[in-house]
């Protein structure tokens, strides 16, 4: 049986590309979780408003209970600046993240807690989901964020 050198080379290249792609997806998935964690730390330190304003893409959307979707960074900014976040802190923890095969979109979900700033008492818990978009500079920004209260105190 004669082995074609071109076929072997082609198979080697395809396997190499596939494994690089898989490594990139895993790396970007970790980056999404790290980005999510970074914004949670910013929220704890500087407030929810500062963290959300920094994390949203210009075309981002927030979904909230009993509200229509808040669309675009201008609308998100207007909403957040109308709400005082100085008496509490919002922290969250990603439990799972995933990146698309193309590497330009991903999502994370996890749990959050709302605590009083004065005593760190938990005043609310829930779950959240964020859809992320990779930016031209390689960073990730939120395209859509939503949370569901109800995990108790």
C-alpha atoms as a PDB file:
ATOM      1  CA  UNK A   1       0.000   0.000   0.000  1.00  0.00           C
ATOM      2  CA  UNK A   2       1.418   3.335  -1.032  1.00  0.00           C
ATOM      3  CA  UNK A   3       0.987   6.279   1.370  1.00  0.00           C
ATOM      4  CA  UNK A   4       0.570   9.657  -0.189  1.00  0.00           C
ATOM      5  CA  UNK A   5       2.840  12.208   1.544  1.00  0.00           C
ATOM      6  CA  UNK A   6       0.484  15.054   0.622  1.00  0.00           C
ATOM      7  CA  UNK A   7      -2.423  13.276   2.353  1.00  0.00           C
ATOM      8  CA  UNK A   8      -0.373  12.783   5.520  1.00  0.00           C
ATOM      9  CA  UNK A   9       0.693  16.433   5.527  1.00  0.00           C
ATOM     10  CA  UNK A  10      -2.880  17.612   4.959  1.00  0.00           C
ATOM     11  CA  UNK A  11      -4.183  15.441   7.826  1.00  0.00           C
ATOM     12  CA  UNK A  12      -1.451  16.750  10.131  1.00  0.00           C
ATOM     13  CA  UNK A  13      -2.354  20.360   9.307  1.00  0.00           C
ATOM     14  CA  UNK A  14      -6.091  19.730   9.862  1.00  0.00           C
ATOM     15  CA  UNK A  15      -5.438  18.058  13.228  1.00  0.00           C
ATOM     16  CA  UNK A  16      -3.147  20.918  14.232  1.00  0.00           C
ATOM     17  CA  UNK A  17      -5.699  23.567  13.313  1.00  0.00           C
ATOM     18  CA  UNK A  18      -8.466  21.712  15.149  1.00  0.00           C
ATOM     19  CA  UNK A  19      -6.407  21.392  18.336  1.00  0.00           C
ATOM     20  CA  UNK A  20      -5.371  25.081  18.201  1.00  0.00           C
ATOM     21  CA  UNK A  21      -8.998  26.065  17.742  1.00  0.00           C
ATOM     22  CA  UNK A  22     -10.030  23.957  20.741  1.00  0.00           C
ATOM     23  CA  UNK A  23      -7.260  25.526  22.867  1.00  0.00           C
ATOM     24  CA  UNK A  24      -8.392  29.011  21.799  1.00  0.00           C
ATOM     25  CA  UNK A  25     -12.007  28.249  22.722  1.00  0.00           C
ATOM     26  CA  UNK A  26     -10.925  26.985  26.156  1.00  0.00           C
ATOM     27  CA  UNK A  27      -8.706  30.024  26.641  1.00  0.00           C
ATOM     28  CA  UNK A  28     -11.477  32.456  25.662  1.00  0.00           C
ATOM     29  CA  UNK A  29     -13.944  30.606  27.898  1.00  0.00           C
ATOM     30  CA  UNK A  30     -11.550  31.122  30.841  1.00  0.00           C
ATOM     31  CA  UNK A  31     -11.194  34.768  29.848  1.00  0.00           C
ATOM     32  CA  UNK A  32     -14.973  35.247  29.972  1.00  0.00           C
ATOM     33  CA  UNK A  33     -15.097  33.802  33.504  1.00  0.00           C
ATOM     34  CA  UNK A  34     -12.167  36.028  34.530  1.00  0.00           C
ATOM     35  CA  UNK A  35     -13.868  39.078  32.992  1.00  0.00           C
ATOM     36  CA  UNK A  36     -17.095  38.277  34.829  1.00  0.00           C
ATOM     37  CA  UNK A  37     -15.178  37.903  38.116  1.00  0.00           C
ATOM     38  CA  UNK A  38     -13.305  41.169  37.475  1.00  0.00           C
ATOM     39  CA  UNK A  39     -16.535  43.145  37.101  1.00  0.00           C
ATOM     40  CA  UNK A  40     -17.942  41.562  40.264  1.00  0.00           C
ATOM     41  CA  UNK A  41     -14.865  42.741  42.184  1.00  0.00           C
ATOM     42  CA  UNK A  42     -15.294  46.213  40.662  1.00  0.00           C
ATOM     43  CA  UNK A  43     -18.932  46.194  41.757  1.00  0.00           C
ATOM     44  CA  UNK A  44     -17.958  45.307  45.330  1.00  0.00           C
ATOM     45  CA  UNK A  45     -15.336  48.046  45.430  1.00  0.00           C
ATOM     46  CA  UNK A  46     -16.781  50.898  43.348  1.00  0.00           C
ATOM     47  CA  UNK A  47     -20.486  50.040  43.200  1.00  0.00           C
ATOM     48  CA  UNK A  48     -22.803  48.263  40.834  1.00  0.00           C
ATOM     49  CA  UNK A  49     -23.297  51.332  38.667  1.00  0.00           C
ATOM     50  CA  UNK A  50     -19.563  51.777  37.980  1.00  0.00           C
ATOM     51  CA  UNK A  51     -19.139  48.081  37.190  1.00  0.00           C
ATOM     52  CA  UNK A  52     -22.155  47.902  34.870  1.00  0.00           C
ATOM     53  CA  UNK A  53     -21.207  51.098  33.035  1.00  0.00           C
ATOM     54  CA  UNK A  54     -17.717  49.698  32.444  1.00  0.00           C
ATOM     55  CA  UNK A  55     -18.824  46.210  31.405  1.00  0.00           C
ATOM     56  CA  UNK A  56     -21.530  46.923  28.811  1.00  0.00           C
ATOM     57  CA  UNK A  57     -21.022  47.063  25.067  1.00  0.00           C
ATOM     58  CA  UNK A  58     -22.504  50.155  23.386  1.00  0.00           C
ATOM     59  CA  UNK A  59     -25.377  47.993  22.104  1.00  0.00           C
ATOM     60  CA  UNK A  60     -25.899  46.192  25.428  1.00  0.00           C
ATOM     61  CA  UNK A  61     -29.281  45.307  26.900  1.00  0.00           C
ATOM     62  CA  UNK A  62     -30.399  44.802  30.500  1.00  0.00           C
ATOM     63  CA  UNK A  63     -33.451  42.652  31.213  1.00  0.00           C
ATOM     64  CA  UNK A  64     -35.137  43.325  34.548  1.00  0.00           C
ATOM     65  CA  UNK A  65     -38.301  42.004  36.141  1.00  0.00           C
ATOM     66  CA  UNK A  66     -41.364  44.182  35.502  1.00  0.00           C
ATOM     67  CA  UNK A  67     -39.540  46.370  32.931  1.00  0.00           C
ATOM     68  CA  UNK A  68     -39.188  46.432  29.196  1.00  0.00           C
ATOM     69  CA  UNK A  69     -35.640  45.740  27.988  1.00  0.00           C
ATOM     70  CA  UNK A  70     -33.233  48.639  28.585  1.00  0.00           C
ATOM     71  CA  UNK A  71     -31.416  48.891  25.255  1.00  0.00           C
ATOM     72  CA  UNK A  72     -28.114  50.623  24.493  1.00  0.00           C
ATOM     73  CA  UNK A  73     -25.430  52.090  26.703  1.00  0.00           C
ATOM     74  CA  UNK A  74     -27.076  55.533  26.761  1.00  0.00           C
ATOM     75  CA  UNK A  75     -30.325  54.079  28.167  1.00  0.00           C
ATOM     76  CA  UNK A  76     -28.416  51.840  30.585  1.00  0.00           C
ATOM     77  CA  UNK A  77     -26.386  54.835  31.790  1.00  0.00           C
ATOM     78  CA  UNK A  78     -29.529  56.928  32.303  1.00  0.00           C
ATOM     79  CA  UNK A  79     -31.171  54.133  34.287  1.00  0.00           C
ATOM     80  CA  UNK A  80     -28.157  53.369  36.455  1.00  0.00           C
ATOM     81  CA  UNK A  81     -27.376  56.994  37.251  1.00  0.00           C
ATOM     82  CA  UNK A  82     -30.982  57.441  38.411  1.00  0.00           C
ATOM     83  CA  UNK A  83     -30.474  54.685  41.016  1.00  0.00           C
ATOM     84  CA  UNK A  84     -28.339  55.222  44.113  1.00  0.00           C
ATOM     85  CA  UNK A  85     -26.131  52.184  44.755  1.00  0.00           C
ATOM     86  CA  UNK A  86     -24.192  53.520  47.765  1.00  0.00           C
ATOM     87  CA  UNK A  87     -26.050  51.576  50.492  1.00  0.00           C
ATOM     88  CA  UNK A  88     -25.529  48.085  49.086  1.00  0.00           C
ATOM     89  CA  UNK A  89     -23.077  46.052  47.093  1.00  0.00           C
ATOM     90  CA  UNK A  90     -23.810  43.536  44.396  1.00  0.00           C
ATOM     91  CA  UNK A  91     -21.382  40.660  43.983  1.00  0.00           C
ATOM     92  CA  UNK A  92     -21.639  37.664  41.710  1.00  0.00           C
ATOM     93  CA  UNK A  93     -19.827  34.468  40.947  1.00  0.00           C
ATOM     94  CA  UNK A  94     -19.758  32.786  37.554  1.00  0.00           C
ATOM     95  CA  UNK A  95     -20.500  29.069  37.758  1.00  0.00           C
ATOM     96  CA  UNK A  96     -20.142  28.355  34.045  1.00  0.00           C
ATOM     97  CA  UNK A  97     -18.916  30.095  30.931  1.00  0.00           C
ATOM     98  CA  UNK A  98     -18.714  29.097  27.286  1.00  0.00           C
ATOM     99  CA  UNK A  99     -17.385  30.623  24.074  1.00  0.00           C
ATOM    100  CA  UNK A 100     -18.724  30.177  20.566  1.00  0.00           C
ATOM    101  CA  UNK A 101     -16.604  28.286  18.034  1.00  0.00           C
ATOM    102  CA  UNK A 102     -15.948  31.553  16.247  1.00  0.00           C
ATOM    103  CA  UNK A 103     -14.564  33.006  19.486  1.00  0.00           C
ATOM    104  CA  UNK A 104     -16.453  36.283  19.235  1.00  0.00           C
ATOM    105  CA  UNK A 105     -19.459  35.546  21.485  1.00  0.00           C
ATOM    106  CA  UNK A 106     -19.837  33.759  24.773  1.00  0.00           C
ATOM    107  CA  UNK A 107     -21.946  33.562  27.874  1.00  0.00           C
ATOM    108  CA  UNK A 108     -21.657  33.051  31.591  1.00  0.00           C
ATOM    109  CA  UNK A 109     -24.110  32.308  34.336  1.00  0.00           C
ATOM    110  CA  UNK A 110     -23.906  32.064  38.084  1.00  0.00           C
ATOM    111  CA  UNK A 111     -25.246  33.343  41.362  1.00  0.00           C
ATOM    112  CA  UNK A 112     -25.310  36.785  42.912  1.00  0.00           C
ATOM    113  CA  UNK A 113     -25.767  38.327  46.332  1.00  0.00           C
ATOM    114  CA  UNK A 114     -26.853  41.793  47.372  1.00  0.00           C
ATOM    115  CA  UNK A 115     -25.331  42.864  50.694  1.00  0.00           C
ATOM    116  CA  UNK A 116     -25.669  45.964  52.852  1.00  0.00           C
ATOM    117  CA  UNK A 117     -22.495  48.078  52.751  1.00  0.00           C
ATOM    118  CA  UNK A 118     -22.654  48.815  56.479  1.00  0.00           C
ATOM    119  CA  UNK A 119     -22.878  45.254  57.826  1.00  0.00           C
ATOM    120  CA  UNK A 120     -22.377  42.945  54.833  1.00  0.00           C
ATOM    121  CA  UNK A 121     -25.740  41.369  55.660  1.00  0.00           C
ATOM    122  CA  UNK A 122     -27.250  39.508  52.729  1.00  0.00           C
ATOM    123  CA  UNK A 123     -30.470  41.172  51.603  1.00  0.00           C
ATOM    124  CA  UNK A 124     -31.005  39.188  48.419  1.00  0.00           C
ATOM    125  CA  UNK A 125     -29.712  36.330  46.298  1.00  0.00           C
ATOM    126  CA  UNK A 126     -30.390  35.127  42.813  1.00  0.00           C
ATOM    127  CA  UNK A 127     -29.055  33.842  39.542  1.00  0.00           C
ATOM    128  CA  UNK A 128     -27.846  35.698  36.477  1.00  0.00           C
ATOM    129  CA  UNK A 129     -26.859  35.197  32.864  1.00  0.00           C
ATOM    130  CA  UNK A 130     -24.639  37.448  30.760  1.00  0.00           C
ATOM    131  CA  UNK A 131     -23.968  37.212  27.033  1.00  0.00           C
ATOM    132  CA  UNK A 132     -20.536  38.576  26.099  1.00  0.00           C
ATOM    133  CA  UNK A 133     -19.133  40.030  22.870  1.00  0.00           C
ATOM    134  CA  UNK A 134     -15.434  40.127  22.102  1.00  0.00           C
ATOM    135  CA  UNK A 135     -14.217  43.636  21.335  1.00  0.00           C
ATOM    136  CA  UNK A 136     -11.672  44.584  18.656  1.00  0.00           C
ATOM    137  CA  UNK A 137      -9.032  45.069  21.389  1.00  0.00           C
ATOM    138  CA  UNK A 138      -9.593  41.501  22.648  1.00  0.00           C
ATOM    139  CA  UNK A 139     -11.572  42.455  25.764  1.00  0.00           C
ATOM    140  CA  UNK A 140     -15.111  41.222  26.436  1.00  0.00           C
ATOM    141  CA  UNK A 141     -18.168  43.432  26.990  1.00  0.00           C
ATOM    142  CA  UNK A 142     -21.684  42.472  28.003  1.00  0.00           C
ATOM    143  CA  UNK A 143     -24.289  42.359  25.232  1.00  0.00           C
ATOM    144  CA  UNK A 144     -27.142  41.194  27.444  1.00  0.00           C
ATOM    145  CA  UNK A 145     -27.469  40.788  31.192  1.00  0.00           C
ATOM    146  CA  UNK A 146     -30.348  39.509  33.246  1.00  0.00           C
ATOM    147  CA  UNK A 147     -30.845  38.368  36.810  1.00  0.00           C
ATOM    148  CA  UNK A 148     -33.494  36.384  38.613  1.00  0.00           C
ATOM    149  CA  UNK A 149     -34.073  37.001  42.324  1.00  0.00           C
ATOM    150  CA  UNK A 150     -35.331  34.231  44.503  1.00  0.00           C
ATOM    151  CA  UNK A 151     -32.570  32.174  46.089  1.00  0.00           C
ATOM    152  CA  UNK A 152     -33.571  33.576  49.497  1.00  0.00           C
ATOM    153  CA  UNK A 153     -31.400  35.425  51.966  1.00  0.00           C
END
